[in-house]
Amino acid sequence: MFAGGGLVGLSTAMFLAQHGIPSLAIERLKQGSHLPRAAHFHMRTLEMFRSAGIEDEVRAKSLEEFEPEGSIVMMDTLAGNVLVEFIPSLNAGVDAFSPCRRLFVTQPGLEPILRRRAEAAGARVMDGHEVVAFMQDASGVATTVKNVDTGAEQTIRSKYLIGTDGAHSRVRERAGIEFDGRGVFSNSVTIYFKAPLAPLMAGKNFSVIYVKNARLSGFFRLDKDQQSGFLAINTVGDTSKPEASSPANDVREETLIEHVRHAAGVPDLPVTITGVARWRATADVARRFRAGRVFLAGDAAHLMPPNGGYGGNTGIHDGHNLAWKLALVLKGKAGDALLDTYESERKPAATFTVEQAYTRYVTRTAPYLGKKDYQPLADDFDIELGYLYNADLIHEHPSQSRGRPGSRAPHVWIAQADGTRISTLDWFRGAFVVLAGAGGKAWLAAARTLQLDAHQVGDDVCEAYGISSSGATLVRPDGFVAWRSDALAGNPEGELSRAVGAILAR
């Protein structure tokens, strides 16, 4: 069961459904989010959507809503000058590492796709309800669910409960799990608006536009028609004064209109406010991601500034990591200790990502803070594709990892007999997979004896995965390398059996 049927809850329900596990999501809202939040989705997230069979649908929706391949820049105003070009093109360099490309799609555009895919495979969503309490025992969790309209309560029993209920997670609170981190450093506001900005943007393709001037700092994201979008504001006025970091204190319509005008650089710009959201810029990670049969994912487990768009992506990656593990435990194929690896793998990855989002916040949005306590800026590829599990490093550029155990399995194009091509990543759709070169046929035979998927690969794949032509690689159901042998072993079946057994905590 999920507490929360939004972006992360629906994604995780979809991933569980891929493994044949039905679930129930309890969602307070009746029609999903109407605000166009969480729009920047990274390569690894699209790879997960690809494995779930929705990449094309998500991309088509993205093309309806946004121009692809834009840049990320900083300007003084939309009518003014580009001060910094952070990313010249949204997908610069991605083709070397992934079959997928970054894109923008709004939460109202994406969530129905996730929900349809999850429900088609057996998931259910209970709209207009919220989780108010739970109790767990040795065999499951009894969750009290309330109808938000009538107040009527019912108890629903499940094997596990996943808190995907956001920054103010009731599940985290009831589980007694605290946040560690930097706390709140801005009481920010996001202004959703309509305004005729197309003339200012003619001939330009900007995916995200940071704005910094004497009046305010924040960032724009504009819809495809450039007649609407949102402006997130982190500071207003003199940043030497404490109140500058609390623009959410004044959300009068006339104030919001003036903010949009100042950021656009057009004093008489016609502006219609369509929505407003207050939020706190924080950089925190939950002390634990698991409490018995209760797990945290997404904003319930980690909070970060929006700089880089990492929050929603990190939550989806949480769900992808947890789904296959829950599935194997529920099917009796793995021991409970496998579920402990959710925290040991995802917490370091999330902490690294939170810190990188903080670095981007301080250096791009709030240099006035004078902070020196942030991590060096890591390459975006390190954050999106390069986080490592159970390795001696937290992250590594995907050009360097070469299939090391704990890394996301490398992408290599494979030519097929009919002239088409697939990515190696297309083999990793929910099962354990063994890859071996021309001299490793004994590995492939052993894999099939153990009922593992197996593929013979060429020298280019062997090189990408760091093995010789007689070696083998074992890839987990989530597409991460679990084990490898550079060359043929004396007992391939025994080696593979021990490797799989260790992973499954058997």
Protein backbone atom coordinates (compact mmCIF):
# COMPACT_ATOMS: atom_id res chain seq x y z
CA MET A 1 0.00 0.00 0.00
CA PHE A 2 1.08 3.57 -0.69
CA ALA A 3 0.31 6.67 1.30
CA GLY A 4 0.23 9.09 -1.62
CA GLY A 5 -0.78 8.51 -5.22
CA GLY A 6 1.18 11.30 -6.88
CA LEU A 7 4.28 11.19 -9.05
CA VAL A 8 6.40 8.87 -6.89
CA GLY A 9 3.55 6.70 -5.65
CA LEU A 10 2.20 6.11 -9.15
CA SER A 11 5.66 5.42 -10.55
CA THR A 12 6.39 2.87 -7.85
CA ALA A 13 2.98 1.25 -8.32
CA MET A 14 3.78 0.98 -12.04
CA PHE A 15 7.16 -0.61 -11.33
CA LEU A 16 5.61 -3.09 -8.90
CA ALA A 17 2.98 -3.95 -11.49
CA GLN A 18 5.79 -4.75 -13.93
CA HIS A 19 6.80 -7.49 -11.50
CA GLY A 20 3.25 -8.76 -11.13
CA ILE A 21 2.61 -7.19 -7.72
CA PRO A 22 -0.73 -5.37 -7.31
CA SER A 23 -0.88 -2.39 -4.97
CA LEU A 24 -3.24 0.22 -3.57
CA ALA A 25 -2.39 3.93 -3.44
CA ILE A 26 -4.25 6.22 -1.04
CA GLU A 27 -4.42 9.71 -2.57
CA ARG A 28 -5.88 12.76 -0.86
CA LEU A 29 -6.58 14.64 -4.08
CA LYS A 30 -9.49 13.59 -6.25
CA GLN A 31 -8.11 14.55 -9.65
CA GLY A 32 -4.37 14.63 -9.22
CA SER A 33 -2.17 17.70 -9.14
CA HIS A 34 -3.44 20.62 -11.26
CA LEU A 35 -0.21 22.64 -10.91
CA PRO A 36 2.44 21.93 -13.60
CA ARG A 37 5.21 20.89 -11.22
CA ALA A 38 8.16 18.47 -11.47
CA ALA A 39 8.67 18.93 -15.20
CA HIS A 40 12.35 18.11 -15.79
CA PHE A 41 12.99 14.40 -16.24
CA HIS A 42 16.45 12.98 -16.64
CA MET A 43 17.95 10.22 -18.78
CA ARG A 44 17.87 7.54 -16.10
CA THR A 45 14.22 8.28 -15.35
CA LEU A 46 13.37 7.96 -19.05
CA GLU A 47 15.26 4.66 -19.10
CA MET A 48 12.96 3.45 -16.33
CA PHE A 49 9.93 4.65 -18.28
CA ARG A 50 11.34 2.86 -21.33
CA SER A 51 11.53 -0.41 -19.39
CA ALA A 52 7.91 0.11 -18.28
CA GLY A 53 6.78 0.65 -21.86
CA ILE A 54 5.71 4.29 -21.59
CA GLU A 55 8.70 6.22 -22.94
CA ASP A 56 7.09 6.99 -26.30
CA GLU A 57 3.85 8.16 -24.69
CA VAL A 58 5.72 10.38 -22.23
CA ARG A 59 7.82 11.85 -25.03
CA ALA A 60 4.75 12.57 -27.13
CA LYS A 61 3.16 14.37 -24.19
CA SER A 62 6.35 16.35 -23.66
CA LEU A 63 6.31 17.51 -27.28
CA GLU A 64 2.75 18.75 -26.81
CA GLU A 65 3.78 20.87 -23.83
CA PHE A 66 7.37 22.05 -24.43
CA GLU A 67 9.94 22.72 -27.10
CA PRO A 68 12.64 20.03 -26.85
CA GLU A 69 16.39 20.46 -26.54
CA GLY A 70 16.39 23.91 -24.93
CA SER A 71 19.24 25.46 -22.96
CA ILE A 72 19.44 26.44 -19.30
CA VAL A 73 20.60 30.01 -18.79
CA MET A 74 20.63 32.91 -16.35
CA MET A 75 19.33 36.34 -17.46
CA ASP A 76 18.85 39.65 -15.72
CA THR A 77 15.30 39.72 -17.14
CA LEU A 78 13.55 38.00 -20.02
CA ALA A 79 13.80 41.25 -21.94
CA GLY A 80 17.46 41.65 -21.01
CA ASN A 81 20.70 39.77 -21.37
CA VAL A 82 21.98 36.23 -20.87
CA LEU A 83 24.42 36.36 -17.97
CA VAL A 84 25.41 32.67 -17.77
CA GLU A 85 24.77 29.65 -19.99
CA PHE A 86 24.69 26.63 -17.67
CA ILE A 87 23.73 24.02 -20.27
CA PRO A 88 23.88 24.99 -23.96
CA SER A 89 21.45 22.25 -24.99
CA LEU A 90 19.38 20.03 -22.73
CA ASN A 91 20.72 16.83 -24.27
CA ALA A 92 24.29 17.78 -25.08
CA GLY A 93 26.41 14.63 -24.84
CA VAL A 94 23.66 12.23 -23.79
CA ASP A 95 23.78 10.03 -26.90
CA ALA A 96 27.08 8.52 -25.78
CA PHE A 97 25.52 7.15 -22.61
CA SER A 98 21.83 6.47 -23.07
CA PRO A 99 19.19 5.59 -25.66
CA CYS A 100 16.94 8.11 -23.88
CA ARG A 101 16.92 11.89 -23.79
CA ARG A 102 16.05 14.40 -21.12
CA LEU A 103 12.71 16.11 -21.48
CA PHE A 104 10.17 18.35 -19.82
CA VAL A 105 6.63 17.21 -19.09
CA THR A 106 4.25 18.56 -16.47
CA GLN A 107 2.98 16.56 -13.55
CA PRO A 108 -0.65 16.81 -14.80
CA GLY A 109 0.59 15.54 -18.15
CA LEU A 110 2.65 12.65 -16.77
CA GLU A 111 0.60 11.33 -13.86
CA PRO A 112 -2.34 10.06 -15.99
CA ILE A 113 0.14 8.06 -18.10
CA LEU A 114 1.67 6.50 -14.99
CA ARG A 115 -1.76 5.76 -13.56
CA ARG A 116 -3.10 4.12 -16.72
CA ARG A 117 -0.05 1.88 -16.98
CA ALA A 118 -0.18 0.92 -13.30
CA GLU A 119 -3.93 0.28 -13.25
CA ALA A 120 -3.77 -1.76 -16.45
CA ALA A 121 -1.41 -4.13 -14.64
CA GLY A 122 -3.44 -4.43 -11.45
CA ALA A 123 -2.73 -1.37 -9.29
CA ARG A 124 -5.58 0.64 -7.74
CA VAL A 125 -5.81 4.24 -6.56
CA MET A 126 -8.26 5.33 -3.86
CA ASP A 127 -8.84 9.03 -4.51
CA GLY A 128 -10.19 11.45 -1.91
CA HIS A 129 -8.72 9.53 1.02
CA GLU A 130 -5.72 9.98 3.30
CA VAL A 131 -3.68 7.83 5.65
CA VAL A 132 -4.12 8.96 9.24
CA ALA A 133 -2.46 6.17 11.22
CA PHE A 134 -0.94 2.71 10.96
CA MET A 135 0.19 -0.17 13.14
CA GLN A 136 2.49 -2.95 12.06
CA ASP A 137 3.16 -6.46 13.31
CA ALA A 138 5.18 -9.45 12.17
CA SER A 139 2.92 -10.22 9.22
CA GLY A 140 1.80 -6.83 7.89
CA VAL A 141 0.58 -3.28 8.38
CA ALA A 142 -2.92 -2.16 9.41
CA THR A 143 -3.48 1.33 7.97
CA THR A 144 -6.29 3.66 8.99
CA VAL A 145 -7.65 5.52 5.98
CA LYS A 146 -10.04 8.49 6.15
CA ASN A 147 -12.42 9.83 3.52
CA VAL A 148 -11.52 13.53 3.26
CA ASP A 149 -15.14 14.53 2.52
CA THR A 150 -17.12 12.44 5.01
CA GLY A 151 -14.50 11.76 7.66
CA ALA A 152 -15.43 8.06 7.59
CA GLU A 153 -12.52 5.80 8.50
CA GLN A 154 -11.63 2.26 7.55
CA THR A 155 -8.70 -0.04 8.22
CA ILE A 156 -6.89 -1.68 5.34
CA ARG A 157 -4.31 -4.39 5.84
CA SER A 158 -1.29 -4.85 3.59
CA LYS A 159 2.07 -6.58 3.69
CA TYR A 160 3.98 -3.29 3.50
CA LEU A 161 3.32 0.45 3.58
CA ILE A 162 5.29 2.91 1.47
CA GLY A 163 5.20 6.57 2.42
CA THR A 164 5.15 8.59 -0.80
CA ASP A 165 3.13 11.34 0.88
CA GLY A 166 5.51 14.23 0.34
CA ALA A 167 7.46 16.73 2.38
CA HIS A 168 4.98 16.73 5.27
CA SER A 169 4.74 12.94 5.31
CA ARG A 170 2.38 11.61 7.92
CA VAL A 171 3.93 8.18 7.46
CA ARG A 172 7.39 9.52 8.32
CA GLU A 173 5.96 11.38 11.29
CA ARG A 174 4.07 8.31 12.59
CA ALA A 175 7.17 6.16 12.10
CA GLY A 176 9.15 8.56 14.29
CA ILE A 177 11.78 9.24 11.62
CA GLU A 178 13.50 12.61 11.72
CA PHE A 179 15.25 14.61 9.01
CA ASP A 180 18.94 15.45 9.11
CA GLY A 181 20.35 18.30 7.05
CA ARG A 182 20.47 22.03 6.59
CA GLY A 183 16.90 22.94 7.39
CA VAL A 184 15.06 25.82 5.73
CA PHE A 185 17.05 28.53 3.95
CA SER A 186 14.27 30.17 1.93
CA ASN A 187 10.50 30.50 2.22
CA SER A 188 9.91 30.56 -1.50
CA VAL A 189 6.92 30.99 -3.75
CA THR A 190 5.99 29.66 -7.18
CA ILE A 191 3.70 31.87 -9.26
CA TYR A 192 1.66 30.24 -12.03
CA PHE A 193 0.57 32.80 -14.60
CA LYS A 194 -0.52 33.69 -18.12
CA ALA A 195 1.25 36.52 -19.95
CA PRO A 196 2.17 37.29 -23.59
CA LEU A 197 5.89 36.49 -23.38
CA ALA A 198 6.29 35.07 -26.91
CA PRO A 199 7.65 38.34 -28.37
CA LEU A 200 10.43 38.36 -25.77
CA MET A 201 11.38 34.76 -26.51
CA ALA A 202 11.31 34.88 -30.32
CA GLY A 203 14.26 32.98 -31.77
CA LYS A 204 15.23 31.56 -28.36
CA ASN A 205 14.83 28.05 -26.97
CA PHE A 206 15.36 28.15 -23.22
CA SER A 207 14.15 25.23 -21.11
CA VAL A 208 14.84 26.96 -17.80
CA ILE A 209 15.64 30.64 -17.35
CA TYR A 210 17.19 31.70 -14.07
CA VAL A 211 16.56 35.38 -13.38
CA LYS A 212 18.75 37.48 -11.12
CA ASN A 213 18.49 41.22 -10.66
CA ALA A 214 18.28 43.80 -7.88
CA ARG A 215 14.56 43.13 -7.37
CA LEU A 216 14.44 39.33 -7.16
CA SER A 217 16.06 35.99 -7.94
CA GLY A 218 14.41 32.79 -9.12
CA PHE A 219 13.66 30.98 -12.35
CA PHE A 220 11.09 30.74 -15.13
CA ARG A 221 9.78 27.72 -16.93
CA LEU A 222 7.52 28.60 -19.85
CA ASP A 223 5.03 26.43 -21.71
CA LYS A 224 5.40 25.74 -25.42
CA ASP A 225 3.21 28.66 -26.50
CA GLN A 226 5.23 31.02 -24.25
CA GLN A 227 1.97 32.54 -23.10
CA SER A 228 1.99 30.80 -19.70
CA GLY A 229 4.27 29.11 -17.23
CA PHE A 230 5.59 29.64 -13.75
CA LEU A 231 8.09 31.79 -11.93
CA ALA A 232 9.70 30.37 -8.79
CA ILE A 233 11.10 33.11 -6.54
CA ASN A 234 13.66 32.54 -3.80
CA THR A 235 14.52 36.10 -2.80
CA VAL A 236 12.98 39.54 -3.15
CA GLY A 237 14.73 42.84 -2.52
CA ASP A 238 17.85 43.57 -0.49
CA THR A 239 19.45 40.21 0.30
CA SER A 240 21.34 41.72 3.25
CA LYS A 241 18.01 41.74 5.07
CA PRO A 242 16.51 38.51 6.49
CA GLU A 243 13.08 39.13 5.01
CA ALA A 244 14.53 38.92 1.48
CA SER A 245 14.56 35.13 1.72
CA SER A 246 10.83 34.94 2.54
CA PRO A 247 8.94 36.00 -0.60
CA ALA A 248 6.16 33.61 0.44
CA ASN A 249 5.20 36.10 3.18
CA ASP A 250 3.36 38.26 0.64
CA VAL A 251 1.22 36.44 -1.91
CA ARG A 252 -1.24 39.22 -2.68
CA GLU A 253 -2.21 39.14 -6.33
CA GLU A 254 -0.86 42.61 -7.02
CA THR A 255 2.49 41.60 -5.51
CA LEU A 256 2.68 38.43 -7.60
CA ILE A 257 1.89 40.38 -10.79
CA GLU A 258 4.70 42.84 -10.02
CA HIS A 259 7.13 39.95 -9.46
CA VAL A 260 6.35 38.54 -12.90
CA ARG A 261 6.73 41.98 -14.48
CA HIS A 262 10.08 42.64 -12.79
CA ALA A 263 11.42 39.21 -13.81
CA ALA A 264 10.19 39.68 -17.38
CA GLY A 265 11.58 43.21 -17.57
CA VAL A 266 8.29 44.62 -18.91
CA PRO A 267 6.69 47.09 -16.45
CA ASP A 268 3.25 47.06 -18.08
CA LEU A 269 3.11 43.34 -18.98
CA PRO A 270 -0.47 41.98 -18.85
CA VAL A 271 -0.38 39.18 -16.27
CA THR A 272 -3.09 36.82 -15.05
CA ILE A 273 -2.29 34.78 -11.95
CA THR A 274 -3.56 31.19 -12.26
CA GLY A 275 -2.11 29.69 -9.10
CA VAL A 276 0.42 30.10 -6.31
CA ALA A 277 2.33 27.64 -4.17
CA ARG A 278 4.42 28.36 -1.11
CA TRP A 279 7.35 26.07 -0.39
CA ARG A 280 10.46 25.94 1.71
CA ALA A 281 13.88 25.53 0.16
CA THR A 282 15.57 22.83 2.25
CA ALA A 283 18.29 20.21 1.92
CA ASP A 284 17.38 17.33 4.25
CA VAL A 285 17.49 13.53 4.25
CA ALA A 286 15.48 11.21 6.48
CA ARG A 287 17.51 9.48 9.16
CA ARG A 288 16.07 6.13 8.06
CA PHE A 289 14.32 4.97 4.90
CA ARG A 290 12.87 1.84 6.54
CA ALA A 291 11.06 1.15 9.79
CA GLY A 292 10.09 -2.51 9.80
CA ARG A 293 7.44 -2.97 7.12
CA VAL A 294 7.24 0.77 6.42
CA PHE A 295 9.38 2.52 3.78
CA LEU A 296 9.85 6.14 2.73
CA ALA A 297 10.37 7.34 -0.83
CA GLY A 298 10.43 10.66 -2.66
CA ASP A 299 9.97 13.88 -0.69
CA ALA A 300 8.98 11.83 2.35
CA ALA A 301 12.60 10.59 2.41
CA HIS A 302 14.56 13.58 1.08
CA LEU A 303 14.00 17.26 0.39
CA MET A 304 16.12 19.39 -1.91
CA PRO A 305 16.02 22.73 -3.72
CA PRO A 306 14.52 22.52 -7.24
CA ASN A 307 17.78 23.55 -8.89
CA GLY A 308 18.60 20.84 -11.42
CA GLY A 309 15.18 19.23 -11.19
CA TYR A 310 16.48 16.36 -9.09
CA GLY A 311 13.67 15.95 -6.55
CA GLY A 312 11.06 14.11 -8.60
CA ASN A 313 13.67 12.06 -10.45
CA THR A 314 15.30 10.91 -7.22
CA GLY A 315 11.92 9.82 -5.85
CA ILE A 316 11.17 7.80 -8.98
CA HIS A 317 14.57 6.13 -8.67
CA ASP A 318 13.71 5.24 -5.06
CA GLY A 319 10.58 3.47 -6.23
CA HIS A 320 12.41 1.63 -9.01
CA ASN A 321 14.99 0.34 -6.53
CA LEU A 322 12.39 -0.77 -4.00
CA ALA A 323 9.90 -2.35 -6.40
CA TRP A 324 11.94 -5.34 -7.58
CA LYS A 325 13.12 -6.07 -4.06
CA LEU A 326 9.61 -6.06 -2.63
CA ALA A 327 8.44 -8.23 -5.52
CA LEU A 328 11.05 -10.92 -4.92
CA VAL A 329 10.43 -10.96 -1.17
CA LEU A 330 6.65 -11.13 -1.63
CA LYS A 331 7.09 -14.01 -4.09
CA GLY A 332 9.24 -15.87 -1.59
CA LYS A 333 12.33 -15.75 -3.79
CA ALA A 334 14.40 -13.49 -1.52
CA GLY A 335 15.00 -13.00 2.18
CA ASP A 336 13.89 -9.98 4.15
CA ALA A 337 17.48 -8.72 4.34
CA LEU A 338 17.20 -7.75 0.67
CA LEU A 339 14.82 -4.98 1.77
CA ASP A 340 17.51 -3.55 4.05
CA THR A 341 19.54 -2.77 0.94
CA TYR A 342 16.91 -0.22 -0.09
CA GLU A 343 18.17 2.16 2.58
CA SER A 344 21.85 1.23 2.26
CA GLU A 345 21.72 1.93 -1.49
CA ARG A 346 19.25 4.76 -1.84
CA LYS A 347 20.18 6.89 1.17
CA PRO A 348 23.77 7.60 0.05
CA ALA A 349 22.58 8.27 -3.51
CA ALA A 350 19.85 10.59 -2.25
CA THR A 351 22.22 12.39 0.13
CA PHE A 352 24.67 13.02 -2.70
CA THR A 353 21.89 14.35 -4.91
CA VAL A 354 20.50 16.60 -2.15
CA GLU A 355 23.95 18.09 -1.62
CA GLN A 356 24.41 18.69 -5.35
CA ALA A 357 21.03 20.43 -5.53
CA TYR A 358 22.15 22.59 -2.59
CA THR A 359 25.41 23.41 -4.40
CA ARG A 360 23.41 24.56 -7.41
CA TYR A 361 21.07 26.59 -5.21
CA VAL A 362 23.93 28.41 -3.49
CA THR A 363 25.97 29.05 -6.63
CA ARG A 364 23.12 29.85 -9.05
CA THR A 365 20.39 31.35 -6.90
CA ALA A 366 21.81 32.49 -3.56
CA PRO A 367 25.50 33.44 -3.69
CA TYR A 368 24.52 36.25 -1.32
CA LEU A 369 24.41 33.64 1.46
CA GLY A 370 28.19 33.50 1.36
CA LYS A 371 28.05 29.79 2.01
CA LYS A 372 31.27 27.77 1.81
CA ASP A 373 29.90 24.49 3.16
CA TYR A 374 28.74 22.99 -0.12
CA GLN A 375 30.18 20.13 -2.13
CA PRO A 376 32.14 20.84 -5.31
CA LEU A 377 29.88 20.92 -8.33
CA ALA A 378 29.62 17.42 -9.80
CA ASP A 379 28.94 16.75 -13.47
CA ASP A 380 25.25 16.31 -14.26
CA PHE A 381 26.02 12.88 -15.74
CA ASP A 382 27.47 11.77 -12.39
CA ILE A 383 24.20 12.66 -10.68
CA GLU A 384 21.81 11.29 -13.30
CA LEU A 385 23.63 8.09 -14.29
CA GLY A 386 26.71 7.82 -12.12
CA TYR A 387 25.52 7.14 -8.58
CA LEU A 388 26.91 3.84 -7.31
CA TYR A 389 25.57 1.17 -4.97
CA ASN A 390 27.76 -0.66 -2.45
CA ALA A 391 30.95 0.64 -4.02
CA ASP A 392 34.04 2.42 -2.73
CA LEU A 393 32.80 5.62 -4.42
CA ILE A 394 29.47 7.41 -4.11
CA HIS A 395 29.45 8.47 -7.75
CA GLU A 396 31.49 8.17 -10.91
CA HIS A 397 31.11 9.56 -14.42
CA PRO A 398 29.47 6.90 -16.64
CA SER A 399 32.43 7.13 -19.04
CA GLN A 400 34.62 5.78 -16.25
CA SER A 401 32.53 3.13 -14.48
CA ARG A 402 32.78 0.54 -17.33
CA GLY A 403 30.31 -1.85 -15.76
CA ARG A 404 31.85 -1.98 -12.31
CA PRO A 405 29.59 -3.79 -9.80
CA GLY A 406 27.26 -1.25 -8.23
CA SER A 407 27.02 0.92 -11.34
CA ARG A 408 24.11 1.30 -13.74
CA ALA A 409 24.72 -1.11 -16.61
CA PRO A 410 26.21 0.70 -19.64
CA HIS A 411 24.24 1.42 -22.78
CA VAL A 412 25.57 -0.05 -26.02
CA TRP A 413 23.63 -0.26 -29.28
CA ILE A 414 23.10 -3.83 -30.56
CA ALA A 415 22.42 -4.46 -34.26
CA GLN A 416 19.70 -7.04 -34.89
CA ALA A 417 19.26 -9.42 -37.80
CA ASP A 418 16.40 -7.39 -39.27
CA GLY A 419 18.55 -4.27 -39.50
CA THR A 420 17.08 -2.54 -36.46
CA ARG A 421 18.97 -1.95 -33.26
CA ILE A 422 18.23 -2.12 -29.57
CA SER A 423 20.11 -0.91 -26.52
CA THR A 424 21.64 -3.32 -24.04
CA LEU A 425 19.34 -1.57 -21.56
CA ASP A 426 16.36 -3.09 -23.40
CA TRP A 427 17.38 -6.48 -22.01
CA PHE A 428 16.97 -5.30 -18.43
CA ARG A 429 13.22 -5.28 -17.85
CA GLY A 430 12.72 -6.95 -14.49
CA ALA A 431 14.81 -10.14 -14.50
CA PHE A 432 18.39 -11.09 -13.67
CA VAL A 433 20.42 -11.09 -16.90
CA VAL A 434 23.80 -12.61 -17.70
CA LEU A 435 25.94 -11.18 -20.51
CA ALA A 436 28.96 -13.10 -21.80
CA GLY A 437 31.30 -12.87 -24.76
CA ALA A 438 32.10 -15.37 -27.49
CA GLY A 439 34.47 -17.29 -25.21
CA GLY A 440 31.96 -17.42 -22.38
CA LYS A 441 29.41 -19.92 -23.64
CA ALA A 442 29.78 -21.88 -20.38
CA TRP A 443 28.50 -18.82 -18.52
CA LEU A 444 25.44 -18.68 -20.78
CA ALA A 445 24.72 -22.37 -20.30
CA ALA A 446 25.04 -21.98 -16.54
CA ALA A 447 22.72 -18.97 -16.57
CA ARG A 448 20.03 -20.89 -18.43
CA THR A 449 20.37 -23.81 -16.03
CA LEU A 450 19.72 -21.35 -13.21
CA GLN A 451 16.74 -19.93 -15.16
CA LEU A 452 18.40 -16.58 -15.72
CA ASP A 453 18.09 -14.58 -18.92
CA ALA A 454 21.31 -14.74 -20.94
CA HIS A 455 22.77 -13.01 -24.00
CA GLN A 456 25.98 -13.58 -25.92
CA VAL A 457 27.54 -10.20 -26.72
CA GLY A 458 30.30 -8.88 -28.93
CA ASP A 459 33.65 -7.39 -28.05
CA ASP A 460 32.21 -3.85 -27.93
CA VAL A 461 29.82 -4.82 -25.14
CA CYS A 462 32.52 -6.78 -23.31
CA GLU A 463 34.77 -3.72 -23.39
CA ALA A 464 31.98 -1.44 -22.17
CA TYR A 465 31.27 -3.84 -19.29
CA GLY A 466 34.91 -4.33 -18.33
CA ILE A 467 35.19 -8.06 -19.08
CA SER A 468 37.16 -10.20 -21.51
CA SER A 469 35.43 -12.24 -24.21
CA SER A 470 35.42 -15.21 -21.81
CA GLY A 471 34.05 -13.21 -18.89
CA ALA A 472 30.50 -12.58 -17.71
CA THR A 473 28.41 -9.88 -16.08
CA LEU A 474 25.29 -10.33 -13.94
CA VAL A 475 22.81 -7.44 -14.14
CA ARG A 476 20.07 -6.98 -11.53
CA PRO A 477 16.36 -6.53 -12.34
CA ASP A 478 16.79 -2.75 -11.97
CA GLY A 479 19.58 -2.57 -14.55
CA PHE A 480 22.48 -2.23 -12.11
CA VAL A 481 25.54 -4.46 -12.36
CA ALA A 482 25.53 -6.93 -9.49
CA TRP A 483 28.62 -9.03 -10.20
CA ARG A 484 31.13 -9.76 -12.91
CA SER A 485 34.00 -12.12 -13.70
CA ASP A 486 36.66 -10.95 -16.11
CA ALA A 487 37.31 -14.45 -17.42
CA LEU A 488 35.82 -17.94 -17.41
CA ALA A 489 35.71 -19.59 -13.99
CA GLY A 490 36.16 -23.28 -13.22
CA ASN A 491 32.58 -23.67 -12.06
CA PRO A 492 30.38 -21.08 -13.82
CA GLU A 493 27.13 -22.44 -12.43
CA GLY A 494 28.44 -22.37 -8.88
CA GLU A 495 29.80 -18.85 -9.30
CA LEU A 496 26.54 -17.50 -10.66
CA SER A 497 24.47 -19.34 -8.07
CA ARG A 498 26.52 -17.87 -5.24
CA ALA A 499 26.29 -14.39 -6.74
CA VAL A 500 22.51 -14.53 -7.09
CA GLY A 501 22.11 -16.11 -3.66
CA ALA A 502 24.10 -13.32 -2.03
CA ILE A 503 21.99 -10.67 -3.70
CA LEU A 504 18.72 -12.34 -2.68
CA ALA A 505 19.86 -12.84 0.94
CA ARG A 506 19.19 -16.56 0.71
